[in-house]
Amino acid sequence: MNDEQLLRYSRHIMMPDFDVAGQQALINAKVLIVGMGGLGCPVALYLAAAGVGELWLADFDAVDVSNLQRQIAHDVADVGRPKVISVRERIAAINSDVRVECINEHLAGQLLDDALKHVDVVVDASDNFATRFDINRACVAAKKPLVSGAAIRSEGQVAVFDSRDANSPCYRCLYDDNADDSQLSCSQSGVLSPLVGVIGSMQALETIKVISGFGQSLTGQLMIFDAKVMEWRKLTLPKNTSCPVCAS
């Protein structure tokens, strides 16, 4: 790190259990974020501010006026523009040292598999089960840690699935193929705007922990947040020995 970086990241470095080594791990890291909506925006902004060296942003959608209620990386001037471009510009304004790769198309199948070859951690900020299942499949196959988040109405959840750990469940252990996409749709069910900020920030925090080794990650656990009553619950997620994706 140069002198400017030592100053920029000094509040990380002065923590004895994070220190220079933790910050250098962030600078060396490459993270893929799938979805530049309500969750992906705070994830991208916080990881950029924290000094993650390279961010891969994936989303095929354009900014709509209805997004502005909660997707904080976009503003009125971005309506109609690709979300990945809007977020890339916001990242550059926060931390120009961060390298950004944009995937302005639907990330699935072989394209997803290829993208995972270039990154260390994947953050799932998508909004449908088909994408979530595909991301999980690819992460298990590539043995890349997956930081998963979801938010709808006034409830959210965060989990870490790390296939490098033989005891870790995967996303498919938690949900089966009959999961209902309507449960994830903000357009059909609504969502409180600060809720996605809370969950997205938690995803960014868990990503930093996975990269740096700071603290204890949520691997094998599910955090559930009920904003209506301001209550957090933590559940232990056992590995499904019959899981069609991760069972050996």
C-alpha atoms as a PDB file:
ATOM      1  CA  MET A   1       0.000   0.000   0.000  1.00  0.00           C
ATOM      2  CA  ASN A   2       1.138   3.531  -0.718  1.00  0.00           C
ATOM      3  CA  ASP A   3       0.860   6.469   1.693  1.00  0.00           C
ATOM      4  CA  GLU A   4      -2.491   7.610   0.257  1.00  0.00           C
ATOM      5  CA  GLN A   5      -3.984   4.149   0.726  1.00  0.00           C
ATOM      6  CA  LEU A   6      -2.626   3.910   4.268  1.00  0.00           C
ATOM      7  CA  LEU A   7      -4.449   7.140   5.056  1.00  0.00           C
ATOM      8  CA  ARG A   8      -7.651   6.234   3.196  1.00  0.00           C
ATOM      9  CA  TYR A   9      -7.992   2.872   4.927  1.00  0.00           C
ATOM     10  CA  SER A  10      -6.538   3.939   8.291  1.00  0.00           C
ATOM     11  CA  ARG A  11      -9.795   3.239  10.173  1.00  0.00           C
ATOM     12  CA  HIS A  12      -9.582  -0.379   9.067  1.00  0.00           C
ATOM     13  CA  ILE A  13      -5.864  -0.671   9.677  1.00  0.00           C
ATOM     14  CA  MET A  14      -5.995   0.673  13.233  1.00  0.00           C
ATOM     15  CA  MET A  15      -8.195  -2.263  14.284  1.00  0.00           C
ATOM     16  CA  PRO A  16      -5.667  -4.784  15.658  1.00  0.00           C
ATOM     17  CA  ASP A  17      -7.602  -7.826  14.430  1.00  0.00           C
ATOM     18  CA  PHE A  18      -7.873  -6.374  10.901  1.00  0.00           C
ATOM     19  CA  ASP A  19      -4.623  -4.425  10.482  1.00  0.00           C
ATOM     20  CA  VAL A  20      -2.595  -4.040   7.283  1.00  0.00           C
ATOM     21  CA  ALA A  21      -2.993  -7.707   6.343  1.00  0.00           C
ATOM     22  CA  GLY A  22      -6.781  -7.487   6.292  1.00  0.00           C
ATOM     23  CA  GLN A  23      -6.739  -4.353   4.174  1.00  0.00           C
ATOM     24  CA  GLN A  24      -4.224  -5.810   1.748  1.00  0.00           C
ATOM     25  CA  ALA A  25      -6.475  -8.843   1.348  1.00  0.00           C
ATOM     26  CA  LEU A  26      -9.308  -6.518   0.311  1.00  0.00           C
ATOM     27  CA  ILE A  27      -7.088  -4.673  -2.155  1.00  0.00           C
ATOM     28  CA  ASN A  28      -6.045  -7.983  -3.720  1.00  0.00           C
ATOM     29  CA  ALA A  29      -9.610  -9.346  -3.887  1.00  0.00           C
ATOM     30  CA  LYS A  30     -11.982  -9.657  -6.830  1.00  0.00           C
ATOM     31  CA  VAL A  31     -15.726  -9.813  -6.164  1.00  0.00           C
ATOM     32  CA  LEU A  32     -18.661 -10.513  -8.476  1.00  0.00           C
ATOM     33  CA  ILE A  33     -21.954  -8.821  -7.558  1.00  0.00           C
ATOM     34  CA  VAL A  34     -25.007 -10.151  -9.407  1.00  0.00           C
ATOM     35  CA  GLY A  35     -27.803  -7.566  -9.443  1.00  0.00           C
ATOM     36  CA  MET A  36     -27.461  -3.795  -9.270  1.00  0.00           C
ATOM     37  CA  GLY A  37     -30.779  -3.160  -7.535  1.00  0.00           C
ATOM     38  CA  GLY A  38     -31.724  -2.441  -3.952  1.00  0.00           C
ATOM     39  CA  LEU A  39     -29.225  -4.929  -2.492  1.00  0.00           C
ATOM     40  CA  GLY A  40     -26.479  -4.663  -5.083  1.00  0.00           C
ATOM     41  CA  CYS A  41     -26.192  -0.879  -4.834  1.00  0.00           C
ATOM     42  CA  PRO A  42     -25.112  -0.708  -1.166  1.00  0.00           C
ATOM     43  CA  VAL A  43     -22.963  -3.816  -1.595  1.00  0.00           C
ATOM     44  CA  ALA A  44     -21.062  -2.236  -4.479  1.00  0.00           C
ATOM     45  CA  LEU A  45     -20.676   1.160  -2.812  1.00  0.00           C
ATOM     46  CA  TYR A  46     -19.469  -0.204   0.518  1.00  0.00           C
ATOM     47  CA  LEU A  47     -17.058  -2.697  -1.046  1.00  0.00           C
ATOM     48  CA  ALA A  48     -15.630   0.064  -3.226  1.00  0.00           C
ATOM     49  CA  ALA A  49     -15.266   2.393  -0.256  1.00  0.00           C
ATOM     50  CA  ALA A  50     -13.659  -0.412   1.766  1.00  0.00           C
ATOM     51  CA  GLY A  51     -11.009  -0.882  -0.915  1.00  0.00           C
ATOM     52  CA  VAL A  52     -11.868  -4.152  -2.665  1.00  0.00           C
ATOM     53  CA  GLY A  53      -9.497  -4.086  -5.608  1.00  0.00           C
ATOM     54  CA  GLU A  54     -11.742  -5.346  -8.390  1.00  0.00           C
ATOM     55  CA  LEU A  55     -15.534  -5.462  -8.680  1.00  0.00           C
ATOM     56  CA  TRP A  56     -17.449  -7.287 -11.387  1.00  0.00           C
ATOM     57  CA  LEU A  57     -20.965  -5.873 -11.781  1.00  0.00           C
ATOM     58  CA  ALA A  58     -23.649  -7.960 -13.493  1.00  0.00           C
ATOM     59  CA  ASP A  59     -27.132  -6.731 -14.440  1.00  0.00           C
ATOM     60  CA  PHE A  60     -28.993  -6.532 -17.758  1.00  0.00           C
ATOM     61  CA  ASP A  61     -31.623  -4.013 -16.627  1.00  0.00           C
ATOM     62  CA  ALA A  62     -31.932  -0.250 -17.069  1.00  0.00           C
ATOM     63  CA  VAL A  63     -32.764   2.243 -14.333  1.00  0.00           C
ATOM     64  CA  ASP A  64     -36.480   2.925 -13.925  1.00  0.00           C
ATOM     65  CA  VAL A  65     -38.026   5.756 -11.938  1.00  0.00           C
ATOM     66  CA  SER A  66     -39.582   3.182  -9.581  1.00  0.00           C
ATOM     67  CA  ASN A  67     -36.051   2.029  -8.653  1.00  0.00           C
ATOM     68  CA  LEU A  68     -35.097   5.380  -7.155  1.00  0.00           C
ATOM     69  CA  GLN A  69     -37.087   4.706  -3.962  1.00  0.00           C
ATOM     70  CA  ARG A  70     -34.406   2.244  -2.783  1.00  0.00           C
ATOM     71  CA  GLN A  71     -31.562   1.750  -5.302  1.00  0.00           C
ATOM     72  CA  ILE A  72     -29.228   4.400  -3.910  1.00  0.00           C
ATOM     73  CA  ALA A  73     -26.463   4.241  -6.521  1.00  0.00           C
ATOM     74  CA  HIS A  74     -28.823   5.592  -9.204  1.00  0.00           C
ATOM     75  CA  ASP A  75     -30.343   9.049  -9.525  1.00  0.00           C
ATOM     76  CA  VAL A  76     -32.898  10.826 -11.734  1.00  0.00           C
ATOM     77  CA  ALA A  77     -30.361  11.445 -14.504  1.00  0.00           C
ATOM     78  CA  ASP A  78     -29.714   7.687 -14.734  1.00  0.00           C
ATOM     79  CA  VAL A  79     -33.288   6.725 -15.663  1.00  0.00           C
ATOM     80  CA  GLY A  80     -33.129   4.705 -18.879  1.00  0.00           C
ATOM     81  CA  ARG A  81     -29.397   3.991 -18.570  1.00  0.00           C
ATOM     82  CA  PRO A  82     -27.891   0.542 -17.859  1.00  0.00           C
ATOM     83  CA  LYS A  83     -27.649  -0.048 -14.125  1.00  0.00           C
ATOM     84  CA  VAL A  84     -24.098  -1.398 -14.360  1.00  0.00           C
ATOM     85  CA  ILE A  85     -22.926   1.846 -15.986  1.00  0.00           C
ATOM     86  CA  SER A  86     -24.648   3.981 -13.353  1.00  0.00           C
ATOM     87  CA  VAL A  87     -23.037   2.002 -10.527  1.00  0.00           C
ATOM     88  CA  ARG A  88     -19.632   1.990 -12.227  1.00  0.00           C
ATOM     89  CA  GLU A  89     -19.675   5.791 -12.362  1.00  0.00           C
ATOM     90  CA  ARG A  90     -20.698   6.036  -8.713  1.00  0.00           C
ATOM     91  CA  ILE A  91     -17.860   3.700  -7.724  1.00  0.00           C
ATOM     92  CA  ALA A  92     -15.362   5.820  -9.665  1.00  0.00           C
ATOM     93  CA  ALA A  93     -16.525   8.890  -7.752  1.00  0.00           C
ATOM     94  CA  ILE A  94     -16.016   7.100  -4.419  1.00  0.00           C
ATOM     95  CA  ASN A  95     -12.755   5.262  -5.092  1.00  0.00           C
ATOM     96  CA  SER A  96     -11.010   5.571  -8.439  1.00  0.00           C
ATOM     97  CA  ASP A  97      -8.499   2.864  -7.457  1.00  0.00           C
ATOM     98  CA  VAL A  98     -11.170   0.166  -7.765  1.00  0.00           C
ATOM     99  CA  ARG A  99     -11.115  -1.676 -11.085  1.00  0.00           C
ATOM    100  CA  VAL A 100     -14.620  -2.321 -12.430  1.00  0.00           C
ATOM    101  CA  GLU A 101     -15.800  -4.851 -15.001  1.00  0.00           C
ATOM    102  CA  CYS A 102     -19.397  -4.560 -16.255  1.00  0.00           C
ATOM    103  CA  ILE A 103     -21.526  -7.418 -17.570  1.00  0.00           C
ATOM    104  CA  ASN A 104     -24.569  -5.743 -19.102  1.00  0.00           C
ATOM    105  CA  GLU A 105     -26.431  -8.954 -19.937  1.00  0.00           C
ATOM    106  CA  HIS A 106     -28.177 -11.828 -18.243  1.00  0.00           C
ATOM    107  CA  LEU A 107     -25.478 -13.738 -16.349  1.00  0.00           C
ATOM    108  CA  ALA A 108     -26.285 -17.445 -16.520  1.00  0.00           C
ATOM    109  CA  GLY A 109     -24.946 -20.784 -17.682  1.00  0.00           C
ATOM    110  CA  GLN A 110     -21.517 -20.754 -19.300  1.00  0.00           C
ATOM    111  CA  LEU A 111     -21.219 -16.967 -19.083  1.00  0.00           C
ATOM    112  CA  LEU A 112     -21.650 -17.236 -15.306  1.00  0.00           C
ATOM    113  CA  ASP A 113     -19.181 -20.115 -15.072  1.00  0.00           C
ATOM    114  CA  ASP A 114     -16.614 -18.108 -17.024  1.00  0.00           C
ATOM    115  CA  ALA A 115     -17.091 -15.038 -14.826  1.00  0.00           C
ATOM    116  CA  LEU A 116     -16.407 -17.054 -11.677  1.00  0.00           C
ATOM    117  CA  LYS A 117     -12.948 -17.926 -12.982  1.00  0.00           C
ATOM    118  CA  HIS A 118     -11.949 -14.290 -12.488  1.00  0.00           C
ATOM    119  CA  VAL A 119     -13.248 -13.651  -8.954  1.00  0.00           C
ATOM    120  CA  ASP A 120     -12.724 -14.801  -5.367  1.00  0.00           C
ATOM    121  CA  VAL A 121     -16.184 -14.220  -3.874  1.00  0.00           C
ATOM    122  CA  VAL A 122     -19.711 -13.940  -5.310  1.00  0.00           C
ATOM    123  CA  VAL A 123     -22.467 -11.747  -3.890  1.00  0.00           C
ATOM    124  CA  ASP A 124     -25.997 -12.731  -4.891  1.00  0.00           C
ATOM    125  CA  ALA A 125     -28.134  -9.596  -4.973  1.00  0.00           C
ATOM    126  CA  SER A 126     -30.581 -10.956  -7.545  1.00  0.00           C
ATOM    127  CA  ASP A 127     -34.361 -11.138  -7.238  1.00  0.00           C
ATOM    128  CA  ASN A 128     -35.470 -14.511  -8.606  1.00  0.00           C
ATOM    129  CA  PHE A 129     -34.955 -18.151  -7.707  1.00  0.00           C
ATOM    130  CA  ALA A 130     -33.795 -19.266 -11.161  1.00  0.00           C
ATOM    131  CA  THR A 131     -30.838 -16.898 -10.978  1.00  0.00           C
ATOM    132  CA  ARG A 132     -30.133 -17.768  -7.342  1.00  0.00           C
ATOM    133  CA  PHE A 133     -30.109 -21.498  -8.063  1.00  0.00           C
ATOM    134  CA  ASP A 134     -27.796 -20.995 -11.052  1.00  0.00           C
ATOM    135  CA  ILE A 135     -25.402 -18.827  -9.043  1.00  0.00           C
ATOM    136  CA  ASN A 136     -25.378 -21.430  -6.269  1.00  0.00           C
ATOM    137  CA  ARG A 137     -24.681 -24.241  -8.748  1.00  0.00           C
ATOM    138  CA  ALA A 138     -21.774 -22.343 -10.264  1.00  0.00           C
ATOM    139  CA  CYS A 139     -20.305 -21.401  -6.877  1.00  0.00           C
ATOM    140  CA  VAL A 140     -20.435 -24.981  -5.614  1.00  0.00           C
ATOM    141  CA  ALA A 141     -18.773 -26.262  -8.808  1.00  0.00           C
ATOM    142  CA  ALA A 142     -16.058 -23.592  -8.663  1.00  0.00           C
ATOM    143  CA  LYS A 143     -15.718 -23.733  -4.857  1.00  0.00           C
ATOM    144  CA  LYS A 144     -16.263 -19.997  -4.525  1.00  0.00           C
ATOM    145  CA  PRO A 145     -17.871 -18.555  -1.376  1.00  0.00           C
ATOM    146  CA  LEU A 146     -21.359 -17.106  -1.933  1.00  0.00           C
ATOM    147  CA  VAL A 147     -22.827 -14.256   0.112  1.00  0.00           C
ATOM    148  CA  SER A 148     -26.601 -14.371  -0.299  1.00  0.00           C
ATOM    149  CA  GLY A 149     -29.191 -11.760   0.612  1.00  0.00           C
ATOM    150  CA  ALA A 150     -32.906 -11.160   0.082  1.00  0.00           C
ATOM    151  CA  ALA A 151     -35.387  -8.467   1.116  1.00  0.00           C
ATOM    152  CA  ILE A 152     -39.136  -8.157   0.587  1.00  0.00           C
ATOM    153  CA  ARG A 153     -41.847  -6.109   2.290  1.00  0.00           C
ATOM    154  CA  SER A 154     -40.349  -5.548   5.770  1.00  0.00           C
ATOM    155  CA  GLU A 155     -38.291  -8.750   6.064  1.00  0.00           C
ATOM    156  CA  GLY A 156     -34.774  -9.623   4.972  1.00  0.00           C
ATOM    157  CA  GLN A 157     -32.211 -12.375   5.290  1.00  0.00           C
ATOM    158  CA  VAL A 158     -28.465 -12.882   4.894  1.00  0.00           C
ATOM    159  CA  ALA A 159     -26.429 -16.091   4.662  1.00  0.00           C
ATOM    160  CA  VAL A 160     -22.991 -17.263   3.595  1.00  0.00           C
ATOM    161  CA  PHE A 161     -22.531 -20.525   1.697  1.00  0.00           C
ATOM    162  CA  ASP A 162     -18.893 -21.568   1.390  1.00  0.00           C
ATOM    163  CA  SER A 163     -18.279 -24.767  -0.556  1.00  0.00           C
ATOM    164  CA  ARG A 164     -14.605 -24.691   0.472  1.00  0.00           C
ATOM    165  CA  ASP A 165     -15.929 -25.880   3.844  1.00  0.00           C
ATOM    166  CA  ALA A 166     -17.099 -29.505   3.635  1.00  0.00           C
ATOM    167  CA  ASN A 167     -19.673 -28.855   6.370  1.00  0.00           C
ATOM    168  CA  SER A 168     -21.226 -25.793   4.753  1.00  0.00           C
ATOM    169  CA  PRO A 169     -24.712 -26.118   3.243  1.00  0.00           C
ATOM    170  CA  CYS A 170     -25.459 -24.491  -0.103  1.00  0.00           C
ATOM    171  CA  TYR A 171     -28.403 -22.330  -1.143  1.00  0.00           C
ATOM    172  CA  ARG A 172     -30.165 -25.392  -2.602  1.00  0.00           C
ATOM    173  CA  CYS A 173     -30.068 -27.011   0.857  1.00  0.00           C
ATOM    174  CA  LEU A 174     -32.284 -24.149   2.045  1.00  0.00           C
ATOM    175  CA  TYR A 175     -34.756 -23.878  -0.850  1.00  0.00           C
ATOM    176  CA  ASP A 176     -36.101 -26.512  -3.225  1.00  0.00           C
ATOM    177  CA  ASP A 177     -37.122 -26.250  -6.869  1.00  0.00           C
ATOM    178  CA  ASN A 178     -40.741 -25.487  -5.934  1.00  0.00           C
ATOM    179  CA  ALA A 179     -39.831 -22.107  -4.384  1.00  0.00           C
ATOM    180  CA  ASP A 180     -42.213 -19.336  -5.453  1.00  0.00           C
ATOM    181  CA  ASP A 181     -40.626 -16.355  -7.251  1.00  0.00           C
ATOM    182  CA  SER A 182     -43.525 -14.095  -6.280  1.00  0.00           C
ATOM    183  CA  GLN A 183     -42.121 -14.121  -2.736  1.00  0.00           C
ATOM    184  CA  LEU A 184     -39.092 -12.175  -4.010  1.00  0.00           C
ATOM    185  CA  SER A 185     -40.812  -9.628  -6.249  1.00  0.00           C
ATOM    186  CA  CYS A 186     -40.750  -6.038  -4.999  1.00  0.00           C
ATOM    187  CA  SER A 187     -43.014  -5.040  -7.894  1.00  0.00           C
ATOM    188  CA  GLN A 188     -45.728  -7.398  -6.614  1.00  0.00           C
ATOM    189  CA  SER A 189     -45.150  -7.350  -2.855  1.00  0.00           C
ATOM    190  CA  GLY A 190     -43.424  -4.019  -2.165  1.00  0.00           C
ATOM    191  CA  VAL A 191     -40.409  -3.351   0.053  1.00  0.00           C
ATOM    192  CA  LEU A 192     -39.366  -0.738   2.611  1.00  0.00           C
ATOM    193  CA  SER A 193     -36.535   1.288   1.121  1.00  0.00           C
ATOM    194  CA  PRO A 194     -34.135   1.263   4.125  1.00  0.00           C
ATOM    195  CA  LEU A 195     -34.523  -2.510   4.470  1.00  0.00           C
ATOM    196  CA  VAL A 196     -32.496  -3.219   1.340  1.00  0.00           C
ATOM    197  CA  GLY A 197     -29.812  -0.901   2.698  1.00  0.00           C
ATOM    198  CA  VAL A 198     -29.654  -2.895   5.934  1.00  0.00           C
ATOM    199  CA  ILE A 199     -29.427  -6.262   4.155  1.00  0.00           C
ATOM    200  CA  GLY A 200     -27.070  -5.015   1.439  1.00  0.00           C
ATOM    201  CA  SER A 201     -24.767  -3.547   4.085  1.00  0.00           C
ATOM    202  CA  MET A 202     -24.777  -6.881   5.907  1.00  0.00           C
ATOM    203  CA  GLN A 203     -23.829  -8.622   2.659  1.00  0.00           C
ATOM    204  CA  ALA A 204     -20.945  -6.191   2.187  1.00  0.00           C
ATOM    205  CA  LEU A 205     -19.818  -6.818   5.766  1.00  0.00           C
ATOM    206  CA  GLU A 206     -19.928 -10.607   5.333  1.00  0.00           C
ATOM    207  CA  THR A 207     -18.005 -10.302   2.062  1.00  0.00           C
ATOM    208  CA  ILE A 208     -15.283  -8.297   3.805  1.00  0.00           C
ATOM    209  CA  LYS A 209     -15.118 -10.915   6.560  1.00  0.00           C
ATOM    210  CA  VAL A 210     -14.836 -13.779   4.072  1.00  0.00           C
ATOM    211  CA  ILE A 211     -12.035 -12.006   2.193  1.00  0.00           C
ATOM    212  CA  SER A 212     -10.028 -10.772   5.173  1.00  0.00           C
ATOM    213  CA  GLY A 213     -10.654 -13.563   7.668  1.00  0.00           C
ATOM    214  CA  PHE A 214     -11.887 -10.957  10.143  1.00  0.00           C
ATOM    215  CA  GLY A 215     -14.226 -12.309  12.826  1.00  0.00           C
ATOM    216  CA  GLN A 216     -16.567 -15.199  12.139  1.00  0.00           C
ATOM    217  CA  SER A 217     -18.652 -15.341   8.977  1.00  0.00           C
ATOM    218  CA  LEU A 218     -22.247 -16.515   8.716  1.00  0.00           C
ATOM    219  CA  THR A 219     -21.220 -19.739   6.986  1.00  0.00           C
ATOM    220  CA  GLY A 220     -23.802 -22.368   7.930  1.00  0.00           C
ATOM    221  CA  GLN A 221     -26.152 -19.792   9.444  1.00  0.00           C
ATOM    222  CA  LEU A 222     -29.083 -17.671   8.316  1.00  0.00           C
ATOM    223  CA  MET A 223     -29.754 -14.209   9.732  1.00  0.00           C
ATOM    224  CA  ILE A 224     -33.393 -13.108   9.457  1.00  0.00           C
ATOM    225  CA  PHE A 225     -34.420  -9.495  10.066  1.00  0.00           C
ATOM    226  CA  ASP A 226     -37.964  -8.307  10.753  1.00  0.00           C
ATOM    227  CA  ALA A 227     -37.946  -4.515  10.357  1.00  0.00           C
ATOM    228  CA  LYS A 228     -41.526  -4.155  11.578  1.00  0.00           C
ATOM    229  CA  VAL A 229     -40.623  -5.260  15.104  1.00  0.00           C
ATOM    230  CA  MET A 230     -36.854  -4.578  14.807  1.00  0.00           C
ATOM    231  CA  GLU A 231     -35.891  -8.169  15.546  1.00  0.00           C
ATOM    232  CA  TRP A 232     -32.961 -10.294  14.357  1.00  0.00           C
ATOM    233  CA  ARG A 233     -32.980 -14.094  14.490  1.00  0.00           C
ATOM    234  CA  LYS A 234     -30.077 -16.427  13.712  1.00  0.00           C
ATOM    235  CA  LEU A 235     -30.765 -19.971  12.530  1.00  0.00           C
ATOM    236  CA  THR A 236     -28.301 -22.805  12.053  1.00  0.00           C
ATOM    237  CA  LEU A 237     -28.496 -24.334   8.572  1.00  0.00           C
ATOM    238  CA  PRO A 238     -27.537 -28.009   8.401  1.00  0.00           C
ATOM    239  CA  LYS A 239     -26.067 -29.436   5.234  1.00  0.00           C
ATOM    240  CA  ASN A 240     -28.620 -31.512   3.332  1.00  0.00           C
ATOM    241  CA  THR A 241     -26.978 -34.880   2.743  1.00  0.00           C
ATOM    242  CA  SER A 242     -29.416 -35.470  -0.120  1.00  0.00           C
ATOM    243  CA  CYS A 243     -28.895 -32.085  -1.792  1.00  0.00           C
ATOM    244  CA  PRO A 244     -28.716 -32.530  -5.591  1.00  0.00           C
ATOM    245  CA  VAL A 245     -26.088 -29.757  -5.807  1.00  0.00           C
ATOM    246  CA  CYS A 246     -23.632 -30.075  -2.909  1.00  0.00           C
ATOM    247  CA  ALA A 247     -24.079 -33.597  -1.507  1.00  0.00           C
ATOM    248  CA  SER A 248     -20.984 -35.677  -2.180  1.00  0.00           C
END
